[in-house]
Amino acid sequence: MPKKFSRIQILKTVTLVALAIIAVRLFAIQIIEHDAWVAKANEQHTLLETITAKRGEIYMMDGSEPTPVVMNQTVYQVIIDPAVTKKDEIKQVLETYAKDYITANLDDIYNIEGLRYYVVAKNIPYSIATKIAEAEVSSVWLKKGNQRVYPEGEMGSTLLGFVNADGIGQYGVEGSLNKLLSGTDGLLKTISDVNNVALSIGTDNIKIPAEDGKDVVLSVDRGLEKGIEEIAATHIENTAATNAAVLVMNPNTGEVIAMTSLPNYDPANYGQVKDASAYINQVTEVPYEPASIFKNFTFSAAINEEKMTADTTYFNTPYTEVDGNKIWNAEQRATLNNQTLTMKQALYWSLNVGSIQALKFLGDNPDEITATGRERLYHYYYDKFRLGQATGIELIEAEGFIWDPHAEIYGLNAAYANMTFGQNLSATMIQTATAFSAVVNGGYWRTPTIVKGTLENNEIIPIDSEKVEDKILSDETSATMRDMLINNRNYKVRSGIDKPGYAIGGKSGTAQVVVNGAYDDTMSNLVGSYIGFVGSEGELPEYVIMVKMWGEGQALSGGEAQNLFDSLSNYVIKYLKIKPVL
């Protein structure tokens, strides 16, 4: 008969087998899988937290002293451990105290298996953060951070830019100098309790301090910036323009002391703009056709190459024909047509036939455009004046376009003829103003700059960077061009707009706009520009001012831009206390 086992024997056998299984499993856990289980335990009780670096502040100059225009205020994030925190409890606290700051859907968060850390609210002020802390919800903690504050409101917004919700600088100085301003985040690794509160125990604790970002000082004068924006806004209201951009720089150092694109926006509420184009800095980021302003560069090239002087004459006709295209003078006056004029008169009246004549002189043939003329003009435009390429200013820059003198296109001579008066090419305002500075400052091209340095212990420390100073024109060429540009504004002196004792010169530009791939010959889309300099009579110019005015579907002339320049030049003279020579 089969042997029968008693219940006690069966129970003993089952118990022994169970103990054996447990023993084997314990051996596996303690010996074989030891490292893996230690890692899991550490994962449950180790707090890894980023120590956020404080973002550097931004300053403008107020006379000789830096003054903050972008600051930080302390704000908090609410972080929860969904595995421990009760959803209904934290939901009630957040909706009671921080409804406007919630950044996450709690229902979605609690459906994520294994999630132990999540930011559910951001940018909470101290007063609200205190109330959340007093609610004492389990496994909820507050992390201190910084939020940007713009005490000057919209002023300089397209220059300054903003910081997005992720703490990353966008556009303007905030974007171009984001790395310098951001600093480097630190790290905290330590043992935590069940509520993820750091404990001061453990040999593996790590604390890498954050390295705060640098405070940056701009060369921009805060008061001048504010005044210029107000003047430009008034001119927009009184014309068909919807937009304007202004640049003021010192041609002898390359320092920018004012830069604006209007209309502005509120960087503290950057998401409320209707179109992202509002963020664009028109001075550095948008290449365009500056039109007759470029005659300054064409004339400078021909004079510097000793191919002509201000008194060199040519026969002015209403138009000239190049590659089968009739290129007309924009200014049609009977007294100027079919007359012998000087190049000084050609610049005064902004005659396109005159600037094309300068290109012919450059090519050693007064009757036609030659390859040599194209090569020389390109050499000056691109190599010397550095037009169509980034200047190196500490901002986001676009480049532009200058035709190669040997480009394989139909009508290359016609393209170059148009380039002599600033069409069929593109350049930014900062490129144009920097090149113009070389025309009037004695012939030196200097890298423009908008950063004076970093602020450390109330001392401005210059930033090491490569700056170019290149002598591209002779003293004589620069002096000749200054005289011609001052002559352009003689009638402004007679009318009392330009005051005696000052040297003020300039040149306007009215550009046709390309619509659907071709120039709008109806002249219903025009961009008006003006560039000029101001200073004491008999001295090198102290400041260069460039103005651009435009509006979609609007015809803005260089004359309207010149009216804005007139207001700005007088304001700059008064604000900066430039002394007249009497």
Protein backbone atom coordinates (compact mmCIF):
# COMPACT_ATOMS: atom_id res chain seq x y z
CA MET A 1 0.00 0.00 0.00
CA PRO A 2 1.25 3.55 -0.74
CA LYS A 3 2.68 5.26 2.26
CA LYS A 4 0.38 7.91 3.65
CA PHE A 5 1.71 11.29 4.88
CA SER A 6 0.18 12.97 7.81
CA ARG A 7 -0.92 16.57 7.56
CA ILE A 8 1.93 17.56 9.89
CA GLN A 9 4.49 16.02 7.58
CA ILE A 10 3.02 17.78 4.55
CA LEU A 11 3.04 21.09 6.40
CA LYS A 12 6.67 20.56 7.43
CA THR A 13 7.64 19.84 3.82
CA VAL A 14 5.86 22.93 2.49
CA THR A 15 7.48 25.07 5.17
CA LEU A 16 10.94 23.73 4.39
CA VAL A 17 10.47 24.40 0.67
CA ALA A 18 9.22 27.95 1.37
CA LEU A 19 12.19 28.62 3.66
CA ALA A 20 14.53 27.31 1.00
CA ILE A 21 13.00 29.62 -1.60
CA ILE A 22 13.28 32.58 0.78
CA ALA A 23 16.87 31.70 1.56
CA VAL A 24 17.74 31.51 -2.11
CA ARG A 25 16.00 34.80 -2.79
CA LEU A 26 17.73 36.50 0.15
CA PHE A 27 21.05 35.21 -1.10
CA ALA A 28 20.30 36.63 -4.54
CA ILE A 29 19.26 40.01 -3.14
CA GLN A 30 22.07 40.33 -0.61
CA ILE A 31 24.89 38.89 -2.68
CA ILE A 32 24.12 38.59 -6.38
CA GLU A 33 21.77 41.63 -6.82
CA HIS A 34 23.27 43.72 -4.02
CA ASP A 35 24.41 46.66 -6.16
CA ALA A 36 21.13 46.88 -8.07
CA TRP A 37 19.05 47.01 -4.89
CA VAL A 38 21.34 49.60 -3.32
CA ALA A 39 20.85 51.76 -6.41
CA LYS A 40 17.06 51.42 -6.13
CA ALA A 41 17.16 52.34 -2.46
CA ASN A 42 19.30 55.37 -3.19
CA GLU A 43 16.90 56.35 -5.95
CA GLN A 44 14.02 56.33 -3.46
CA HIS A 45 15.87 58.35 -0.79
CA THR A 46 18.30 60.53 -2.77
CA LEU A 47 17.30 64.09 -3.61
CA LEU A 48 18.74 65.45 -6.85
CA GLU A 49 18.03 69.13 -7.24
CA THR A 50 19.35 71.78 -9.58
CA ILE A 51 20.56 74.93 -7.85
CA THR A 52 19.45 77.65 -10.27
CA ALA A 53 22.00 80.36 -11.01
CA LYS A 54 20.85 83.92 -10.57
CA ARG A 55 20.52 85.60 -13.96
CA GLY A 56 22.62 88.71 -14.45
CA GLU A 57 20.88 92.07 -14.62
CA ILE A 58 21.16 94.56 -17.49
CA TYR A 59 22.14 98.19 -17.08
CA MET A 60 22.12 101.28 -19.25
CA MET A 61 24.15 104.39 -18.58
CA ASP A 62 22.66 107.36 -16.75
CA GLY A 63 25.33 109.94 -17.44
CA SER A 64 28.47 108.31 -16.05
CA GLU A 65 26.62 105.88 -13.78
CA PRO A 66 25.05 102.54 -14.70
CA THR A 67 21.36 102.19 -13.88
CA PRO A 68 19.37 98.90 -13.99
CA VAL A 69 16.80 98.45 -16.75
CA VAL A 70 16.34 94.68 -16.36
CA MET A 71 16.21 93.25 -12.83
CA ASN A 72 15.26 90.08 -10.96
CA GLN A 73 12.61 89.40 -8.35
CA THR A 74 12.38 86.25 -6.23
CA VAL A 75 9.63 83.85 -7.25
CA TYR A 76 8.90 80.21 -6.46
CA GLN A 77 8.00 76.96 -8.16
CA VAL A 78 5.65 74.44 -6.55
CA ILE A 79 7.01 70.90 -6.88
CA ILE A 80 5.16 67.76 -5.83
CA ASP A 81 5.82 64.04 -5.43
CA PRO A 82 2.71 62.47 -7.04
CA ALA A 83 3.48 59.13 -5.37
CA VAL A 84 2.95 60.62 -1.91
CA THR A 85 1.00 63.86 -2.32
CA LYS A 86 -2.76 63.60 -2.29
CA LYS A 87 -4.14 64.97 -5.54
CA ASP A 88 -7.33 66.48 -4.14
CA GLU A 89 -5.47 68.18 -1.31
CA ILE A 90 -2.82 69.83 -3.49
CA LYS A 91 -5.43 70.72 -6.11
CA GLN A 92 -7.48 72.59 -3.55
CA VAL A 93 -4.42 74.48 -2.25
CA LEU A 94 -3.27 75.51 -5.72
CA GLU A 95 -6.70 76.61 -6.92
CA THR A 96 -7.22 78.57 -3.69
CA TYR A 97 -3.90 80.43 -3.64
CA ALA A 98 -2.15 80.07 -7.01
CA LYS A 99 -4.77 79.54 -9.69
CA ASP A 100 -3.09 81.92 -12.14
CA TYR A 101 0.29 80.22 -11.77
CA ILE A 102 -0.65 76.57 -12.38
CA THR A 103 1.34 75.11 -15.28
CA ALA A 104 0.25 71.45 -15.25
CA ASN A 105 -2.88 69.31 -15.41
CA LEU A 106 -2.93 67.35 -12.14
CA ASP A 107 -5.18 64.61 -13.54
CA ASP A 108 -2.63 63.89 -16.27
CA ILE A 109 0.27 63.94 -13.81
CA TYR A 110 -1.27 61.42 -11.45
CA ASN A 111 -1.85 59.02 -14.36
CA ILE A 112 1.92 58.77 -15.01
CA GLU A 113 3.15 55.63 -13.28
CA GLY A 114 6.32 55.99 -11.20
CA LEU A 115 6.44 59.79 -11.40
CA ARG A 116 8.11 61.20 -8.27
CA TYR A 117 8.84 64.83 -9.17
CA TYR A 118 6.86 67.42 -11.10
CA VAL A 119 6.65 71.23 -11.27
CA VAL A 120 2.97 72.17 -11.08
CA ALA A 121 3.17 75.97 -10.69
CA LYS A 122 5.73 78.65 -11.59
CA ASN A 123 6.60 82.28 -10.91
CA ILE A 124 4.68 82.45 -7.64
CA PRO A 125 5.28 85.60 -5.56
CA TYR A 126 6.59 85.28 -2.00
CA SER A 127 3.24 86.20 -0.42
CA ILE A 128 1.44 83.34 -2.21
CA ALA A 129 4.31 80.90 -1.67
CA THR A 130 4.04 81.56 2.07
CA LYS A 131 0.37 80.58 2.10
CA ILE A 132 1.11 77.35 0.23
CA ALA A 133 3.84 76.50 2.73
CA GLU A 134 1.48 77.16 5.65
CA ALA A 135 -1.00 74.63 4.21
CA GLU A 136 1.56 71.91 5.06
CA VAL A 137 0.60 69.50 2.32
CA SER A 138 2.70 66.33 2.41
CA SER A 139 5.52 66.01 -0.17
CA VAL A 140 5.10 69.48 -1.58
CA TRP A 141 8.05 71.84 -1.61
CA LEU A 142 8.86 75.28 -2.92
CA LYS A 143 11.90 76.06 -5.04
CA LYS A 144 13.23 79.60 -5.11
CA GLY A 145 13.97 81.18 -8.49
CA ASN A 146 14.11 84.51 -10.31
CA GLN A 147 11.74 86.33 -12.62
CA ARG A 148 12.66 89.23 -14.89
CA VAL A 149 11.39 92.69 -14.01
CA TYR A 150 11.52 95.59 -16.47
CA PRO A 151 11.24 98.83 -14.47
CA GLU A 152 11.25 100.97 -17.63
CA GLY A 153 8.27 99.11 -19.11
CA GLU A 154 8.32 98.99 -22.90
CA MET A 155 11.35 101.25 -23.31
CA GLY A 156 14.11 99.58 -25.30
CA SER A 157 12.22 96.28 -25.54
CA THR A 158 13.43 95.36 -29.04
CA LEU A 159 16.97 96.04 -27.89
CA LEU A 160 16.69 94.22 -24.56
CA GLY A 161 14.58 91.17 -25.53
CA PHE A 162 12.98 88.95 -22.86
CA VAL A 163 13.36 85.69 -20.94
CA ASN A 164 10.90 82.90 -21.75
CA ALA A 165 9.10 80.55 -19.36
CA ASP A 166 12.07 78.16 -19.43
CA GLY A 167 14.45 80.88 -18.28
CA ILE A 168 16.14 81.24 -21.68
CA GLY A 169 16.88 84.67 -23.13
CA GLN A 170 15.11 85.46 -26.38
CA TYR A 171 15.91 88.23 -28.89
CA GLY A 172 17.85 91.39 -28.13
CA VAL A 173 20.54 91.45 -25.44
CA GLU A 174 18.76 88.72 -23.47
CA GLY A 175 19.15 86.39 -26.44
CA SER A 176 22.57 87.35 -27.80
CA LEU A 177 24.21 87.40 -24.34
CA ASN A 178 22.13 84.59 -22.85
CA LYS A 179 25.18 82.50 -21.89
CA LEU A 180 26.89 85.39 -20.11
CA LEU A 181 23.70 86.44 -18.33
CA SER A 182 22.59 82.90 -17.40
CA GLY A 183 25.64 81.73 -15.50
CA THR A 184 25.94 78.03 -14.63
CA ASP A 185 23.44 76.06 -12.54
CA GLY A 186 24.70 74.08 -9.53
CA LEU A 187 23.67 70.65 -8.21
CA LEU A 188 22.51 69.30 -4.85
CA LYS A 189 22.62 65.53 -4.25
CA THR A 190 21.77 64.38 -0.76
CA ILE A 191 19.76 61.87 1.30
CA SER A 192 16.12 62.93 1.73
CA ASP A 193 13.31 61.86 4.03
CA VAL A 194 9.89 60.59 2.99
CA ASN A 195 8.83 64.17 2.20
CA ASN A 196 11.88 64.75 -0.02
CA VAL A 197 13.39 67.12 2.53
CA ALA A 198 17.19 67.15 2.36
CA LEU A 199 18.98 65.58 5.33
CA SER A 200 22.50 66.53 6.40
CA ILE A 201 23.77 62.95 6.51
CA GLY A 202 25.50 60.65 4.08
CA THR A 203 29.04 60.41 2.76
CA ASP A 204 27.94 60.70 -0.87
CA ASN A 205 26.41 64.15 -0.54
CA ILE A 206 27.30 66.50 -3.40
CA LYS A 207 26.78 70.25 -3.52
CA ILE A 208 28.08 72.14 -6.54
CA PRO A 209 27.33 75.85 -6.01
CA ALA A 210 25.68 77.77 -8.83
CA GLU A 211 27.76 80.34 -10.66
CA ASP A 212 25.57 83.40 -11.09
CA GLY A 213 25.34 85.19 -14.41
CA LYS A 214 27.16 88.44 -15.04
CA ASP A 215 25.54 91.85 -14.76
CA VAL A 216 25.93 93.54 -18.16
CA VAL A 217 26.30 97.28 -18.72
CA LEU A 218 25.24 98.66 -22.11
CA SER A 219 26.71 101.78 -23.68
CA VAL A 220 23.15 103.01 -24.30
CA ASP A 221 22.18 106.17 -22.43
CA ARG A 222 18.86 105.54 -20.67
CA GLY A 223 17.63 109.14 -20.82
CA LEU A 224 18.61 109.56 -24.46
CA GLU A 225 16.94 106.27 -25.38
CA LYS A 226 13.71 107.32 -23.70
CA GLY A 227 13.68 110.76 -25.32
CA ILE A 228 14.43 109.40 -28.79
CA GLU A 229 11.64 106.82 -28.53
CA GLU A 230 9.16 109.54 -27.57
CA ILE A 231 10.21 111.77 -30.48
CA ALA A 232 10.05 108.88 -32.97
CA ALA A 233 6.62 107.80 -31.67
CA THR A 234 5.31 111.34 -32.23
CA HIS A 235 6.56 111.34 -35.83
CA ILE A 236 4.89 107.98 -36.46
CA GLU A 237 1.59 109.44 -35.25
CA ASN A 238 1.94 112.44 -37.56
CA THR A 239 2.81 110.52 -40.75
CA ALA A 240 1.61 107.48 -42.68
CA ALA A 241 4.36 105.43 -41.02
CA THR A 242 3.51 102.55 -38.71
CA ASN A 243 7.11 101.78 -37.82
CA ALA A 244 10.37 103.57 -37.22
CA ALA A 245 13.89 102.57 -36.23
CA VAL A 246 16.62 104.85 -34.89
CA LEU A 247 20.32 104.35 -34.24
CA VAL A 248 22.69 106.82 -32.57
CA MET A 249 26.39 105.97 -32.35
CA ASN A 250 29.74 107.59 -31.72
CA PRO A 251 31.66 107.34 -35.02
CA ASN A 252 34.99 107.80 -33.26
CA THR A 253 34.63 104.82 -30.91
CA GLY A 254 31.89 102.65 -32.44
CA GLU A 255 29.82 102.89 -29.24
CA VAL A 256 26.06 102.81 -29.71
CA ILE A 257 24.28 105.18 -27.33
CA ALA A 258 20.70 104.68 -28.54
CA MET A 259 18.95 101.97 -30.56
CA THR A 260 15.24 101.49 -30.96
CA SER A 261 12.59 99.88 -33.15
CA LEU A 262 9.02 101.08 -32.79
CA PRO A 263 6.41 100.12 -31.87
CA ASN A 264 7.69 98.58 -28.65
CA TYR A 265 6.15 95.75 -26.61
CA ASP A 266 6.00 94.84 -22.92
CA PRO A 267 8.79 92.30 -22.28
CA ALA A 268 7.15 91.29 -19.00
CA ASN A 269 4.11 90.17 -21.04
CA TYR A 270 5.85 89.18 -24.25
CA GLY A 271 3.21 86.59 -25.12
CA GLN A 272 0.58 89.27 -25.70
CA VAL A 273 2.05 90.59 -28.97
CA LYS A 274 -0.06 90.03 -32.08
CA ASP A 275 2.89 89.02 -34.24
CA ALA A 276 6.36 87.69 -33.42
CA SER A 277 7.81 90.34 -35.76
CA ALA A 278 7.33 92.76 -32.85
CA TYR A 279 10.37 91.15 -31.21
CA ILE A 280 12.70 91.89 -34.13
CA ASN A 281 15.42 94.51 -33.76
CA GLN A 282 15.14 96.33 -37.08
CA VAL A 283 18.55 97.95 -36.64
CA THR A 284 20.58 94.73 -36.64
CA GLU A 285 18.32 91.91 -37.81
CA VAL A 286 16.63 93.20 -40.98
CA PRO A 287 18.61 93.82 -44.18
CA TYR A 288 16.89 96.25 -46.55
CA GLU A 289 17.65 98.55 -49.47
CA PRO A 290 18.73 101.90 -47.96
CA ALA A 291 18.54 103.62 -51.38
CA SER A 292 20.38 106.91 -51.95
CA ILE A 293 22.18 106.76 -48.60
CA PHE A 294 24.59 104.46 -50.46
CA LYS A 295 25.65 107.32 -52.71
CA ASN A 296 27.90 108.29 -49.81
CA PHE A 297 29.85 105.06 -50.31
CA THR A 298 29.94 105.25 -54.11
CA PHE A 299 31.23 108.82 -54.06
CA SER A 300 33.73 108.01 -51.29
CA ALA A 301 35.15 105.13 -53.34
CA ALA A 302 35.60 107.23 -56.50
CA ILE A 303 37.17 110.14 -54.59
CA ASN A 304 39.45 107.85 -52.57
CA GLU A 305 40.65 106.17 -55.78
CA GLU A 306 41.36 109.67 -57.13
CA LYS A 307 39.02 109.09 -60.05
CA MET A 308 37.01 112.23 -59.31
CA THR A 309 36.70 115.19 -56.93
CA ALA A 310 33.72 117.09 -55.60
CA ASP A 311 34.21 119.56 -58.47
CA THR A 312 34.52 117.00 -61.25
CA THR A 313 31.80 117.63 -63.84
CA TYR A 314 29.54 115.41 -65.91
CA PHE A 315 26.61 115.97 -68.26
CA ASN A 316 23.38 115.27 -66.39
CA THR A 317 20.46 113.80 -68.34
CA PRO A 318 16.98 112.81 -67.07
CA TYR A 319 17.99 109.17 -67.33
CA THR A 320 20.79 106.90 -68.48
CA GLU A 321 20.42 103.60 -70.28
CA VAL A 322 22.26 100.50 -68.99
CA ASP A 323 21.80 97.00 -70.40
CA GLY A 324 18.72 98.22 -72.22
CA ASN A 325 17.15 99.62 -69.02
CA LYS A 326 16.35 103.28 -68.53
CA ILE A 327 17.46 104.36 -65.05
CA TRP A 328 15.92 107.70 -64.15
CA ASN A 329 16.82 110.43 -61.74
CA ALA A 330 14.28 110.39 -58.96
CA GLU A 331 14.51 114.17 -58.76
CA GLN A 332 13.30 115.58 -62.07
CA ARG A 333 13.95 119.30 -62.34
CA ALA A 334 14.06 121.09 -65.69
CA THR A 335 16.96 123.23 -64.53
CA LEU A 336 19.05 120.11 -63.86
CA ASN A 337 18.31 118.17 -67.03
CA ASN A 338 20.81 118.26 -69.89
CA GLN A 339 23.15 120.42 -67.88
CA THR A 340 26.79 120.16 -66.86
CA LEU A 341 26.88 119.63 -63.12
CA THR A 342 29.52 118.93 -60.50
CA MET A 343 29.55 115.73 -58.45
CA LYS A 344 28.90 117.89 -55.40
CA GLN A 345 25.66 119.03 -57.05
CA ALA A 346 24.84 115.44 -57.98
CA LEU A 347 25.01 114.45 -54.30
CA TYR A 348 23.05 117.53 -53.22
CA TRP A 349 20.21 116.77 -55.62
CA SER A 350 20.60 112.99 -55.14
CA LEU A 351 20.84 112.34 -58.86
CA ASN A 352 20.97 108.66 -59.82
CA VAL A 353 22.64 109.49 -63.12
CA GLY A 354 25.36 111.20 -61.07
CA SER A 355 26.04 108.17 -58.87
CA ILE A 356 26.17 105.94 -61.96
CA GLN A 357 28.69 108.41 -63.39
CA ALA A 358 30.84 107.88 -60.28
CA LEU A 359 30.83 104.14 -61.06
CA LYS A 360 31.96 104.91 -64.62
CA PHE A 361 34.78 107.05 -63.25
CA LEU A 362 35.80 104.12 -61.03
CA GLY A 363 36.12 101.97 -64.14
CA ASP A 364 38.42 104.44 -65.91
CA ASN A 365 35.84 105.05 -68.63
CA PRO A 366 33.53 108.07 -68.21
CA ASP A 367 31.18 106.76 -70.88
CA GLU A 368 30.35 103.24 -69.72
CA ILE A 369 30.37 100.78 -66.81
CA THR A 370 33.32 98.39 -66.94
CA ALA A 371 34.37 95.22 -65.11
CA THR A 372 37.10 97.27 -63.42
CA GLY A 373 34.49 99.71 -62.11
CA ARG A 374 32.38 96.86 -60.77
CA GLU A 375 35.40 95.27 -59.09
CA ARG A 376 36.44 98.50 -57.41
CA LEU A 377 32.94 99.30 -56.19
CA TYR A 378 32.58 95.77 -54.79
CA HIS A 379 35.97 96.10 -53.09
CA TYR A 380 34.81 99.23 -51.31
CA TYR A 381 31.27 98.06 -50.54
CA TYR A 382 32.12 94.58 -49.30
CA ASP A 383 35.81 94.54 -48.33
CA LYS A 384 36.32 98.05 -46.97
CA PHE A 385 32.88 99.19 -45.76
CA ARG A 386 31.92 95.57 -44.90
CA LEU A 387 28.38 96.03 -46.19
CA GLY A 388 26.25 92.92 -46.52
CA GLN A 389 28.06 91.14 -43.69
CA ALA A 390 27.84 91.03 -39.90
CA THR A 391 29.64 93.87 -38.10
CA GLY A 392 30.49 91.99 -34.89
CA ILE A 393 28.25 94.00 -32.58
CA GLU A 394 27.15 92.03 -29.50
CA LEU A 395 23.63 91.47 -30.82
CA ILE A 396 21.84 89.07 -33.13
CA GLU A 397 22.74 90.16 -36.67
CA ALA A 398 21.60 89.46 -40.18
CA GLU A 399 23.99 89.84 -43.08
CA GLY A 400 22.64 91.10 -46.40
CA PHE A 401 23.66 90.86 -50.03
CA ILE A 402 26.07 92.55 -52.41
CA TRP A 403 26.30 91.32 -56.01
CA ASP A 404 29.62 89.76 -56.99
CA PRO A 405 31.26 91.86 -59.74
CA HIS A 406 31.45 88.80 -61.98
CA ALA A 407 28.08 87.21 -61.19
CA GLU A 408 26.69 85.31 -64.14
CA ILE A 409 23.41 87.15 -64.41
CA TYR A 410 21.74 89.08 -67.19
CA GLY A 411 22.02 92.81 -66.70
CA LEU A 412 24.96 92.81 -64.26
CA ASN A 413 25.91 96.36 -65.25
CA ALA A 414 22.34 97.50 -64.62
CA ALA A 415 22.42 95.79 -61.22
CA TYR A 416 25.62 97.66 -60.37
CA ALA A 417 24.18 100.92 -61.66
CA ASN A 418 21.28 100.49 -59.23
CA MET A 419 23.69 99.51 -56.45
CA THR A 420 25.35 102.94 -56.69
CA PHE A 421 22.17 104.40 -55.22
CA GLY A 422 21.41 101.59 -52.78
CA GLN A 423 19.00 99.36 -54.69
CA ASN A 424 19.51 95.76 -55.89
CA LEU A 425 21.43 95.03 -52.66
CA SER A 426 20.66 94.77 -48.97
CA ALA A 427 22.32 95.83 -45.74
CA THR A 428 21.23 96.41 -42.14
CA MET A 429 21.08 99.77 -40.44
CA ILE A 430 24.03 98.92 -38.20
CA GLN A 431 26.14 98.03 -41.25
CA THR A 432 25.13 101.23 -43.01
CA ALA A 433 25.74 103.48 -40.00
CA THR A 434 29.12 101.86 -39.27
CA ALA A 435 30.21 102.37 -42.88
CA PHE A 436 28.93 105.97 -42.82
CA SER A 437 30.92 106.56 -39.63
CA ALA A 438 34.06 105.64 -41.57
CA VAL A 439 33.11 108.13 -44.27
CA VAL A 440 32.94 111.05 -41.81
CA ASN A 441 35.32 110.18 -38.94
CA GLY A 442 38.58 110.45 -40.84
CA GLY A 443 38.25 107.13 -42.69
CA TYR A 444 38.29 104.52 -39.89
CA TRP A 445 35.98 101.50 -39.94
CA ARG A 446 35.48 100.43 -36.33
CA THR A 447 33.59 97.46 -34.97
CA PRO A 448 30.37 98.82 -33.43
CA THR A 449 29.69 97.93 -29.80
CA ILE A 450 26.77 98.19 -27.43
CA VAL A 451 28.33 96.57 -24.34
CA LYS A 452 30.58 98.61 -22.06
CA GLY A 453 31.36 95.61 -19.88
CA THR A 454 30.22 93.65 -16.84
CA LEU A 455 29.45 95.25 -13.49
CA GLU A 456 31.47 93.84 -10.61
CA ASN A 457 31.60 95.54 -7.19
CA ASN A 458 30.19 98.71 -8.76
CA GLU A 459 33.04 98.78 -11.28
CA ILE A 460 32.59 98.34 -15.04
CA ILE A 461 34.96 95.63 -16.28
CA PRO A 462 35.47 95.65 -20.08
CA ILE A 463 34.82 92.37 -21.88
CA ASP A 464 37.69 91.03 -23.94
CA SER A 465 36.59 90.76 -27.56
CA GLU A 466 38.13 91.23 -30.96
CA LYS A 467 37.57 94.74 -32.27
CA VAL A 468 38.60 95.98 -35.70
CA GLU A 469 39.96 99.43 -36.45
CA ASP A 470 40.79 99.71 -40.11
CA LYS A 471 41.84 102.83 -41.99
CA ILE A 472 39.86 102.51 -45.25
CA LEU A 473 39.68 106.10 -46.53
CA SER A 474 42.19 108.92 -46.60
CA ASP A 475 41.82 111.96 -44.36
CA GLU A 476 41.27 114.03 -47.50
CA THR A 477 38.45 111.80 -48.78
CA SER A 478 36.70 111.92 -45.42
CA ALA A 479 37.05 115.71 -45.22
CA THR A 480 35.67 116.10 -48.74
CA MET A 481 32.68 113.93 -47.96
CA ARG A 482 31.95 115.85 -44.74
CA ASP A 483 31.97 119.12 -46.65
CA MET A 484 29.62 117.69 -49.30
CA LEU A 485 27.24 116.33 -46.67
CA ILE A 486 27.22 119.63 -44.76
CA ASN A 487 26.48 121.36 -48.08
CA ASN A 488 23.45 119.07 -48.42
CA ARG A 489 21.92 120.76 -45.37
CA ASN A 490 22.75 124.40 -46.10
CA TYR A 491 19.08 125.17 -46.60
CA LYS A 492 18.42 123.71 -43.12
CA VAL A 493 20.79 126.33 -41.71
CA ARG A 494 19.00 129.07 -43.62
CA SER A 495 15.64 127.89 -42.34
CA GLY A 496 16.89 127.86 -38.74
CA ILE A 497 16.46 124.10 -38.25
CA ASP A 498 20.23 123.61 -37.99
CA LYS A 499 21.74 126.05 -35.52
CA PRO A 500 24.91 128.04 -36.25
CA GLY A 501 28.14 126.82 -34.70
CA TYR A 502 27.43 123.17 -35.46
CA ALA A 503 28.59 120.87 -38.23
CA ILE A 504 25.57 118.86 -39.36
CA GLY A 505 25.55 116.87 -42.56
CA GLY A 506 23.44 114.10 -43.99
CA LYS A 507 21.85 112.24 -46.85
CA SER A 508 18.35 110.88 -47.42
CA GLY A 509 17.19 107.74 -49.18
CA THR A 510 13.81 106.73 -50.62
CA ALA A 511 13.69 103.06 -51.55
CA GLN A 512 11.28 101.23 -53.78
CA VAL A 513 10.03 98.01 -52.20
CA VAL A 514 9.98 94.62 -53.88
CA VAL A 515 6.39 93.31 -54.10
CA ASN A 516 5.75 89.83 -55.52
CA GLY A 517 9.30 89.57 -56.82
CA ALA A 518 9.48 92.95 -58.56
CA TYR A 519 9.89 96.60 -57.63
CA ASP A 520 6.59 98.39 -57.09
CA ASP A 521 6.68 101.02 -59.83
CA THR A 522 3.44 102.57 -58.56
CA MET A 523 5.54 104.09 -55.75
CA SER A 524 2.83 103.15 -53.25
CA ASN A 525 5.35 101.17 -51.18
CA LEU A 526 8.38 103.21 -50.17
CA VAL A 527 10.81 103.10 -47.25
CA GLY A 528 12.29 106.41 -46.13
CA SER A 529 15.75 106.63 -44.56
CA TYR A 530 18.12 109.37 -43.48
CA ILE A 531 21.64 109.29 -42.12
CA GLY A 532 23.68 112.17 -40.82
CA PHE A 533 26.18 113.42 -38.28
CA VAL A 534 26.29 116.15 -35.65
CA GLY A 535 29.17 117.88 -33.90
CA SER A 536 30.84 121.17 -33.24
CA GLU A 537 31.81 123.20 -36.29
CA GLY A 538 35.36 122.51 -37.46
CA GLU A 539 35.64 119.29 -35.43
CA LEU A 540 35.17 115.63 -36.27
CA PRO A 541 31.53 114.56 -35.90
CA GLU A 542 30.59 113.44 -32.41
CA TYR A 543 27.54 111.36 -33.27
CA VAL A 544 25.99 109.62 -36.25
CA ILE A 545 22.20 109.29 -36.37
CA MET A 546 20.33 106.97 -38.72
CA VAL A 547 16.57 106.87 -39.18
CA LYS A 548 14.28 104.48 -41.04
CA MET A 549 10.50 104.91 -41.44
CA TRP A 550 8.05 102.55 -43.13
CA GLY A 551 4.57 101.08 -43.12
CA GLU A 552 3.02 98.21 -45.04
CA GLY A 553 1.43 99.60 -48.19
CA GLN A 554 2.60 103.11 -47.33
CA ALA A 555 4.87 105.48 -49.25
CA LEU A 556 7.40 106.99 -46.84
CA SER A 557 9.98 109.29 -48.40
CA GLY A 558 13.50 110.13 -47.32
CA GLY A 559 12.15 113.63 -46.69
CA GLU A 560 9.85 112.35 -43.95
CA ALA A 561 12.75 110.44 -42.42
CA GLN A 562 14.79 113.62 -42.65
CA ASN A 563 12.15 115.49 -40.64
CA LEU A 564 12.59 112.92 -37.86
CA PHE A 565 16.37 113.31 -38.11
CA ASP A 566 15.99 117.08 -37.72
CA SER A 567 14.11 116.63 -34.45
CA LEU A 568 16.55 114.01 -33.22
CA SER A 569 19.71 115.95 -34.12
CA ASN A 570 18.55 118.98 -32.16
CA TYR A 571 17.54 116.77 -29.24
CA VAL A 572 20.91 114.97 -29.24
CA ILE A 573 22.78 118.30 -29.31
CA LYS A 574 20.79 119.59 -26.36
CA TYR A 575 20.77 116.37 -24.33
CA LEU A 576 24.48 115.67 -24.77
CA LYS A 577 25.40 119.34 -24.34
CA ILE A 578 27.41 119.60 -27.56
CA LYS A 579 28.99 123.04 -27.61
CA PRO A 580 28.72 125.27 -30.70
CA VAL A 581 31.71 127.09 -32.14
CA LEU A 582 30.76 130.76 -32.34
